[in-house]
């Protein structure tokens, strides 16, 4: 594994990248594959800092649940 991190081809292709995580610091993770010239893609963040961090954004924003529905789901320990 250490050889992969040092390999010039892997580095040039950005197959492994370092991304800043708000709690643990720099994290090595896979880069975007395949690399497309018109839409190469990027990694914006390594994932949520805590479990359920985006619940409100998903449930209320994307799924349009009302706050009362969210409270009910919390009471039932669904979320």
PDB file of N, CA and C in Angstrom:
ATOM      1  N   UNK A   1       0.823  -1.180   0.000  1.00  0.00           N
ATOM      2  CA  UNK A   1       0.000   0.000   0.000  1.00  0.00           C
ATOM      3  C   UNK A   1       0.877   1.257   0.000  1.00  0.00           C
ATOM      4  N   UNK A   2       1.932   1.231   0.756  1.00  0.00           N
ATOM      5  CA  UNK A   2       2.819   2.398   0.808  1.00  0.00           C
ATOM      6  C   UNK A   2       3.367   2.736  -0.581  1.00  0.00           C
ATOM      7  N   UNK A   3       3.625   1.689  -1.395  1.00  0.00           N
ATOM      8  CA  UNK A   3       4.127   1.918  -2.758  1.00  0.00           C
ATOM      9  C   UNK A   3       3.118   2.709  -3.590  1.00  0.00           C
ATOM     10  N   UNK A   4       1.839   2.422  -3.413  1.00  0.00           N
ATOM     11  CA  UNK A   4       0.809   3.130  -4.179  1.00  0.00           C
ATOM     12  C   UNK A   4       0.831   4.625  -3.854  1.00  0.00           C
ATOM     13  N   UNK A   5       0.997   4.964  -2.582  1.00  0.00           N
ATOM     14  CA  UNK A   5       1.018   6.376  -2.182  1.00  0.00           C
ATOM     15  C   UNK A   5       2.226   7.103  -2.753  1.00  0.00           C
ATOM     16  N   UNK A   6       3.322   6.383  -3.015  1.00  0.00           N
ATOM     17  CA  UNK A   6       4.534   7.005  -3.562  1.00  0.00           C
ATOM     18  C   UNK A   6       4.608   6.935  -5.088  1.00  0.00           C
ATOM     19  N   UNK A   7       3.756   6.151  -5.703  1.00  0.00           N
ATOM     20  CA  UNK A   7       3.834   5.919  -7.142  1.00  0.00           C
ATOM     21  C   UNK A   7       3.550   7.199  -7.926  1.00  0.00           C
ATOM     22  N   UNK A   8       4.460   7.621  -8.827  1.00  0.00           N
ATOM     23  CA  UNK A   8       4.270   8.861  -9.581  1.00  0.00           C
ATOM     24  C   UNK A   8       3.029   8.823 -10.488  1.00  0.00           C
ATOM     25  N   UNK A   9       2.703   7.660 -11.030  1.00  0.00           N
ATOM     26  CA  UNK A   9       1.527   7.554 -11.896  1.00  0.00           C
ATOM     27  C   UNK A   9       0.246   7.785 -11.089  1.00  0.00           C
ATOM     28  N   UNK A  10       0.137   7.157  -9.921  1.00  0.00           N
ATOM     29  CA  UNK A  10      -1.027   7.363  -9.055  1.00  0.00           C
ATOM     30  C   UNK A  10      -1.135   8.835  -8.650  1.00  0.00           C
ATOM     31  N   UNK A  11       0.007   9.452  -8.339  1.00  0.00           N
ATOM     32  CA  UNK A  11       0.002  10.866  -7.951  1.00  0.00           C
ATOM     33  C   UNK A  11      -0.431  11.753  -9.110  1.00  0.00           C
ATOM     34  N   UNK A  12       0.091  11.516 -10.294  1.00  0.00           N
ATOM     35  CA  UNK A  12      -0.239  12.338 -11.459  1.00  0.00           C
ATOM     36  C   UNK A  12      -1.722  12.224 -11.812  1.00  0.00           C
ATOM     37  N   UNK A  13      -2.294  11.044 -11.648  1.00  0.00           N
ATOM     38  CA  UNK A  13      -3.709  10.823 -11.964  1.00  0.00           C
ATOM     39  C   UNK A  13      -4.631  11.215 -10.814  1.00  0.00           C
ATOM     40  N   UNK A  14      -4.040  11.599  -9.669  1.00  0.00           N
ATOM     41  CA  UNK A  14      -4.804  11.943  -8.463  1.00  0.00           C
ATOM     42  C   UNK A  14      -5.745  10.812  -8.068  1.00  0.00           C
ATOM     43  N   UNK A  15      -5.227   9.565  -8.164  1.00  0.00           N
ATOM     44  CA  UNK A  15      -6.011   8.414  -7.743  1.00  0.00           C
ATOM     45  C   UNK A  15      -6.194   8.391  -6.236  1.00  0.00           C
ATOM     46  N   UNK A  16      -5.247   8.920  -5.514  1.00  0.00           N
ATOM     47  CA  UNK A  16      -5.347   9.078  -4.063  1.00  0.00           C
ATOM     48  C   UNK A  16      -5.163  10.556  -3.751  1.00  0.00           C
ATOM     49  N   UNK A  17      -6.077  11.099  -2.969  1.00  0.00           N
ATOM     50  CA  UNK A  17      -6.020  12.529  -2.654  1.00  0.00           C
ATOM     51  C   UNK A  17      -6.077  12.721  -1.141  1.00  0.00           C
ATOM     52  N   UNK A  18      -5.644  13.872  -0.692  1.00  0.00           N
ATOM     53  CA  UNK A  18      -5.750  14.242   0.713  1.00  0.00           C
ATOM     54  C   UNK A  18      -6.833  15.299   0.839  1.00  0.00           C
ATOM     55  N   UNK A  19      -7.785  15.047   1.730  1.00  0.00           N
ATOM     56  CA  UNK A  19      -8.915  15.941   1.936  1.00  0.00           C
ATOM     57  C   UNK A  19      -8.969  16.299   3.419  1.00  0.00           C
ATOM     58  N   UNK A  20      -9.299  17.530   3.715  1.00  0.00           N
ATOM     59  CA  UNK A  20      -9.368  18.022   5.094  1.00  0.00           C
ATOM     60  C   UNK A  20     -10.716  17.631   5.718  1.00  0.00           C
ATOM     61  N   UNK A  21     -10.657  16.936   6.865  1.00  0.00           N
ATOM     62  CA  UNK A  21     -11.855  16.581   7.629  1.00  0.00           C
ATOM     63  C   UNK A  21     -11.886  17.472   8.871  1.00  0.00           C
ATOM     64  N   UNK A  22     -13.060  18.030   9.235  1.00  0.00           N
ATOM     65  CA  UNK A  22     -13.118  18.985  10.340  1.00  0.00           C
ATOM     66  C   UNK A  22     -12.728  18.422  11.701  1.00  0.00           C
ATOM     67  N   UNK A  23     -12.782  17.105  11.873  1.00  0.00           N
ATOM     68  CA  UNK A  23     -12.462  16.521  13.185  1.00  0.00           C
ATOM     69  C   UNK A  23     -11.105  15.824  13.185  1.00  0.00           C
ATOM     70  N   UNK A  24     -10.839  14.989  12.177  1.00  0.00           N
ATOM     71  CA  UNK A  24      -9.613  14.185  12.185  1.00  0.00           C
ATOM     72  C   UNK A  24      -8.467  14.787  11.394  1.00  0.00           C
ATOM     73  N   UNK A  25      -8.700  15.875  10.684  1.00  0.00           N
ATOM     74  CA  UNK A  25      -7.630  16.504   9.910  1.00  0.00           C
ATOM     75  C   UNK A  25      -7.551  15.936   8.506  1.00  0.00           C
ATOM     76  N   UNK A  26      -6.333  15.823   7.984  1.00  0.00           N
ATOM     77  CA  UNK A  26      -6.152  15.341   6.604  1.00  0.00           C
ATOM     78  C   UNK A  26      -6.422  13.844   6.520  1.00  0.00           C
ATOM     79  N   UNK A  27      -7.221  13.470   5.507  1.00  0.00           N
ATOM     80  CA  UNK A  27      -7.597  12.078   5.292  1.00  0.00           C
ATOM     81  C   UNK A  27      -7.267  11.702   3.856  1.00  0.00           C
ATOM     82  N   UNK A  28      -6.586  10.576   3.668  1.00  0.00           N
ATOM     83  CA  UNK A  28      -6.325  10.066   2.325  1.00  0.00           C
ATOM     84  C   UNK A  28      -7.538   9.272   1.875  1.00  0.00           C
ATOM     85  N   UNK A  29      -7.958   9.540   0.640  1.00  0.00           N
ATOM     86  CA  UNK A  29      -9.104   8.815   0.099  1.00  0.00           C
ATOM     87  C   UNK A  29      -8.982   8.717  -1.414  1.00  0.00           C
ATOM     88  N   UNK A  30      -9.788   7.839  -2.040  1.00  0.00           N
ATOM     89  CA  UNK A  30      -9.717   7.710  -3.493  1.00  0.00           C
ATOM     90  C   UNK A  30     -10.154   8.993  -4.186  1.00  0.00           C
ATOM     91  N   UNK A  31      -9.484   9.325  -5.254  1.00  0.00           N
ATOM     92  CA  UNK A  31      -9.887  10.456  -6.079  1.00  0.00           C
ATOM     93  C   UNK A  31     -11.008  10.036  -7.020  1.00  0.00           C
ATOM     94  N   UNK A  32     -11.466  10.961  -7.829  1.00  0.00           N
ATOM     95  CA  UNK A  32     -12.547  10.686  -8.781  1.00  0.00           C
ATOM     96  C   UNK A  32     -11.999   9.865  -9.945  1.00  0.00           C
ATOM     97  N   UNK A  33     -12.662   8.754 -10.236  1.00  0.00           N
ATOM     98  CA  UNK A  33     -12.287   7.890 -11.357  1.00  0.00           C
ATOM     99  C   UNK A  33     -13.568   7.541 -12.094  1.00  0.00           C
ATOM    100  N   UNK A  34     -13.635   7.645 -13.377  1.00  0.00           N
ATOM    101  CA  UNK A  34     -12.593   8.070 -14.301  1.00  0.00           C
ATOM    102  C   UNK A  34     -12.501   9.585 -14.382  1.00  0.00           C
ATOM    103  N   UNK A  35     -11.403  10.057 -14.899  1.00  0.00           N
ATOM    104  CA  UNK A  35     -11.203  11.491 -15.131  1.00  0.00           C
ATOM    105  C   UNK A  35     -11.693  11.814 -16.543  1.00  0.00           C
ATOM    106  N   UNK A  36     -12.723  12.616 -16.630  1.00  0.00           N
ATOM    107  CA  UNK A  36     -13.260  13.011 -17.928  1.00  0.00           C
ATOM    108  C   UNK A  36     -12.818  14.445 -18.219  1.00  0.00           C
ATOM    109  N   UNK A  37     -12.443  14.727 -19.446  1.00  0.00           N
ATOM    110  CA  UNK A  37     -11.889  16.043 -19.771  1.00  0.00           C
ATOM    111  C   UNK A  37     -12.902  17.168 -19.575  1.00  0.00           C
ATOM    112  N   UNK A  38     -14.137  16.987 -19.993  1.00  0.00           N
ATOM    113  CA  UNK A  38     -15.136  18.050 -19.873  1.00  0.00           C
ATOM    114  C   UNK A  38     -15.718  18.148 -18.467  1.00  0.00           C
ATOM    115  N   UNK A  39     -15.808  17.023 -17.776  1.00  0.00           N
ATOM    116  CA  UNK A  39     -16.376  17.005 -16.414  1.00  0.00           C
ATOM    117  C   UNK A  39     -15.516  16.119 -15.524  1.00  0.00           C
ATOM    118  N   UNK A  40     -14.350  16.629 -15.088  1.00  0.00           N
ATOM    119  CA  UNK A  40     -13.412  15.786 -14.348  1.00  0.00           C
ATOM    120  C   UNK A  40     -13.870  15.408 -12.933  1.00  0.00           C
ATOM    121  N   UNK A  41     -14.790  16.162 -12.357  1.00  0.00           N
ATOM    122  CA  UNK A  41     -15.264  15.857 -11.008  1.00  0.00           C
ATOM    123  C   UNK A  41     -14.294  16.301  -9.939  1.00  0.00           C
ATOM    124  N   UNK A  42     -14.806  16.510  -8.753  1.00  0.00           N
ATOM    125  CA  UNK A  42     -13.981  16.892  -7.606  1.00  0.00           C
ATOM    126  C   UNK A  42     -14.541  16.255  -6.345  1.00  0.00           C
ATOM    127  N   UNK A  43     -13.699  16.145  -5.341  1.00  0.00           N
ATOM    128  CA  UNK A  43     -14.138  15.723  -4.014  1.00  0.00           C
ATOM    129  C   UNK A  43     -14.250  16.991  -3.191  1.00  0.00           C
ATOM    130  N   UNK A  44     -15.453  17.311  -2.731  1.00  0.00           N
ATOM    131  CA  UNK A  44     -15.672  18.552  -1.987  1.00  0.00           C
ATOM    132  C   UNK A  44     -15.423  18.402  -0.492  1.00  0.00           C
ATOM    133  N   UNK A  45     -15.743  17.233   0.056  1.00  0.00           N
ATOM    134  CA  UNK A  45     -15.487  16.978   1.473  1.00  0.00           C
ATOM    135  C   UNK A  45     -15.482  15.474   1.701  1.00  0.00           C
ATOM    136  N   UNK A  46     -14.839  15.001   2.773  1.00  0.00           N
ATOM    137  CA  UNK A  46     -14.695  13.560   2.978  1.00  0.00           C
ATOM    138  C   UNK A  46     -15.919  12.879   3.585  1.00  0.00           C
ATOM    139  N   UNK A  47     -16.951  13.623   3.901  1.00  0.00           N
ATOM    140  CA  UNK A  47     -18.139  13.049   4.522  1.00  0.00           C
ATOM    141  C   UNK A  47     -18.545  13.866   5.729  1.00  0.00           C
ATOM    142  N   UNK A  48     -19.679  13.558   6.318  1.00  0.00           N
ATOM    143  CA  UNK A  48     -20.156  14.346   7.450  1.00  0.00           C
ATOM    144  C   UNK A  48     -19.237  14.219   8.665  1.00  0.00           C
ATOM    145  N   UNK A  49     -19.203  15.275   9.455  1.00  0.00           N
ATOM    146  CA  UNK A  49     -18.382  15.282  10.667  1.00  0.00           C
ATOM    147  C   UNK A  49     -19.045  14.479  11.780  1.00  0.00           C
ATOM    148  N   UNK A  50     -20.377  14.357  11.732  1.00  0.00           N
ATOM    149  CA  UNK A  50     -21.085  13.586  12.757  1.00  0.00           C
ATOM    150  C   UNK A  50     -22.292  12.885  12.142  1.00  0.00           C
ATOM    151  N   UNK A  51     -22.730  11.827  12.774  1.00  0.00           N
ATOM    152  CA  UNK A  51     -23.880  11.074  12.296  1.00  0.00           C
ATOM    153  C   UNK A  51     -25.116  11.962  12.338  1.00  0.00           C
ATOM    154  N   UNK A  52     -25.852  11.980  11.249  1.00  0.00           N
ATOM    155  CA  UNK A  52     -27.081  12.767  11.179  1.00  0.00           C
ATOM    156  C   UNK A  52     -26.877  14.239  10.924  1.00  0.00           C
ATOM    157  N   UNK A  53     -25.680  14.639  10.596  1.00  0.00           N
ATOM    158  CA  UNK A  53     -25.359  16.054  10.396  1.00  0.00           C
ATOM    159  C   UNK A  53     -26.257  16.709   9.342  1.00  0.00           C
ATOM    160  N   UNK A  54     -26.654  15.957   8.331  1.00  0.00           N
ATOM    161  CA  UNK A  54     -27.443  16.521   7.233  1.00  0.00           C
ATOM    162  C   UNK A  54     -28.906  16.078   7.263  1.00  0.00           C
ATOM    163  N   UNK A  55     -29.364  15.538   8.391  1.00  0.00           N
ATOM    164  CA  UNK A  55     -30.748  15.069   8.476  1.00  0.00           C
ATOM    165  C   UNK A  55     -31.755  16.153   8.114  1.00  0.00           C
ATOM    166  N   UNK A  56     -31.632  17.320   8.712  1.00  0.00           N
ATOM    167  CA  UNK A  56     -32.602  18.393   8.459  1.00  0.00           C
ATOM    168  C   UNK A  56     -32.603  18.773   6.981  1.00  0.00           C
ATOM    169  N   UNK A  57     -31.411  18.937   6.408  1.00  0.00           N
ATOM    170  CA  UNK A  57     -31.296  19.300   4.996  1.00  0.00           C
ATOM    171  C   UNK A  57     -31.988  18.265   4.103  1.00  0.00           C
ATOM    172  N   UNK A  58     -31.809  16.977   4.415  1.00  0.00           N
ATOM    173  CA  UNK A  58     -32.409  15.920   3.598  1.00  0.00           C
ATOM    174  C   UNK A  58     -33.903  15.799   3.859  1.00  0.00           C
ATOM    175  N   UNK A  59     -34.284  15.642   5.128  1.00  0.00           N
ATOM    176  CA  UNK A  59     -35.684  15.373   5.440  1.00  0.00           C
ATOM    177  C   UNK A  59     -36.600  16.570   5.188  1.00  0.00           C
ATOM    178  N   UNK A  60     -36.192  17.741   5.649  1.00  0.00           N
ATOM    179  CA  UNK A  60     -37.039  18.922   5.465  1.00  0.00           C
ATOM    180  C   UNK A  60     -36.850  19.534   4.082  1.00  0.00           C
ATOM    181  N   UNK A  61     -35.603  19.570   3.599  1.00  0.00           N
ATOM    182  CA  UNK A  61     -35.331  20.191   2.310  1.00  0.00           C
ATOM    183  C   UNK A  61     -35.706  19.307   1.136  1.00  0.00           C
ATOM    184  N   UNK A  62     -35.033  18.158   1.009  1.00  0.00           N
ATOM    185  CA  UNK A  62     -35.257  17.298  -0.149  1.00  0.00           C
ATOM    186  C   UNK A  62     -36.582  16.539  -0.084  1.00  0.00           C
ATOM    187  N   UNK A  63     -36.960  16.073   1.117  1.00  0.00           N
ATOM    188  CA  UNK A  63     -38.187  15.277   1.237  1.00  0.00           C
ATOM    189  C   UNK A  63     -39.401  16.100   1.658  1.00  0.00           C
ATOM    190  N   UNK A  64     -39.182  17.384   1.959  1.00  0.00           N
ATOM    191  CA  UNK A  64     -40.263  18.313   2.320  1.00  0.00           C
ATOM    192  C   UNK A  64     -41.093  17.855   3.518  1.00  0.00           C
ATOM    193  N   UNK A  65     -40.448  17.211   4.505  1.00  0.00           N
ATOM    194  CA  UNK A  65     -41.159  16.864   5.736  1.00  0.00           C
ATOM    195  C   UNK A  65     -41.337  18.111   6.589  1.00  0.00           C
ATOM    196  N   UNK A  66     -42.450  18.177   7.262  1.00  0.00           N
ATOM    197  CA  UNK A  66     -42.698  19.308   8.167  1.00  0.00           C
ATOM    198  C   UNK A  66     -41.920  19.093   9.466  1.00  0.00           C
ATOM    199  N   UNK A  67     -41.718  20.174  10.190  1.00  0.00           N
ATOM    200  CA  UNK A  67     -40.993  20.093  11.461  1.00  0.00           C
ATOM    201  C   UNK A  67     -41.698  19.139  12.426  1.00  0.00           C
ATOM    202  N   UNK A  68     -43.029  19.121  12.395  1.00  0.00           N
ATOM    203  CA  UNK A  68     -43.791  18.210  13.266  1.00  0.00           C
ATOM    204  C   UNK A  68     -43.478  16.745  12.927  1.00  0.00           C
ATOM    205  N   UNK A  69     -43.341  16.470  11.614  1.00  0.00           N
ATOM    206  CA  UNK A  69     -42.987  15.111  11.191  1.00  0.00           C
ATOM    207  C   UNK A  69     -41.603  14.738  11.708  1.00  0.00           C
ATOM    208  N   UNK A  70     -40.684  15.695  11.638  1.00  0.00           N
ATOM    209  CA  UNK A  70     -39.322  15.457  12.140  1.00  0.00           C
ATOM    210  C   UNK A  70     -39.353  15.160  13.632  1.00  0.00           C
ATOM    211  N   UNK A  71     -40.129  15.942  14.391  1.00  0.00           N
ATOM    212  CA  UNK A  71     -40.229  15.729  15.836  1.00  0.00           C
ATOM    213  C   UNK A  71     -40.800  14.352  16.142  1.00  0.00           C
ATOM    214  N   UNK A  72     -41.795  13.939  15.364  1.00  0.00           N
ATOM    215  CA  UNK A  72     -42.393  12.609  15.561  1.00  0.00           C
ATOM    216  C   UNK A  72     -41.395  11.507  15.275  1.00  0.00           C
ATOM    217  N   UNK A  73     -40.621  11.653  14.206  1.00  0.00           N
ATOM    218  CA  UNK A  73     -39.601  10.651  13.873  1.00  0.00           C
ATOM    219  C   UNK A  73     -38.525  10.581  14.954  1.00  0.00           C
ATOM    220  N   UNK A  74     -38.146  11.724  15.506  1.00  0.00           N
ATOM    221  CA  UNK A  74     -37.169  11.745  16.590  1.00  0.00           C
ATOM    222  C   UNK A  74     -37.721  11.044  17.827  1.00  0.00           C
ATOM    223  N   UNK A  75     -38.996  11.336  18.180  1.00  0.00           N
ATOM    224  CA  UNK A  75     -39.632  10.716  19.351  1.00  0.00           C
ATOM    225  C   UNK A  75     -39.691   9.204  19.210  1.00  0.00           C
ATOM    226  N   UNK A  76     -39.920   8.736  17.989  1.00  0.00           N
ATOM    227  CA  UNK A  76     -39.993   7.300  17.733  1.00  0.00           C
ATOM    228  C   UNK A  76     -38.598   6.685  17.548  1.00  0.00           C
ATOM    229  N   UNK A  77     -37.545   7.498  17.697  1.00  0.00           N
ATOM    230  CA  UNK A  77     -36.144   7.107  17.555  1.00  0.00           C
ATOM    231  C   UNK A  77     -35.852   6.505  16.171  1.00  0.00           C
ATOM    232  N   UNK A  78     -36.562   7.028  15.154  1.00  0.00           N
ATOM    233  CA  UNK A  78     -36.285   6.635  13.778  1.00  0.00           C
ATOM    234  C   UNK A  78     -35.051   7.392  13.280  1.00  0.00           C
ATOM    235  N   UNK A  79     -34.977   8.655  13.686  1.00  0.00           N
ATOM    236  CA  UNK A  79     -33.796   9.469  13.345  1.00  0.00           C
ATOM    237  C   UNK A  79     -33.218  10.065  14.607  1.00  0.00           C
TER     238      UNK A  79
END
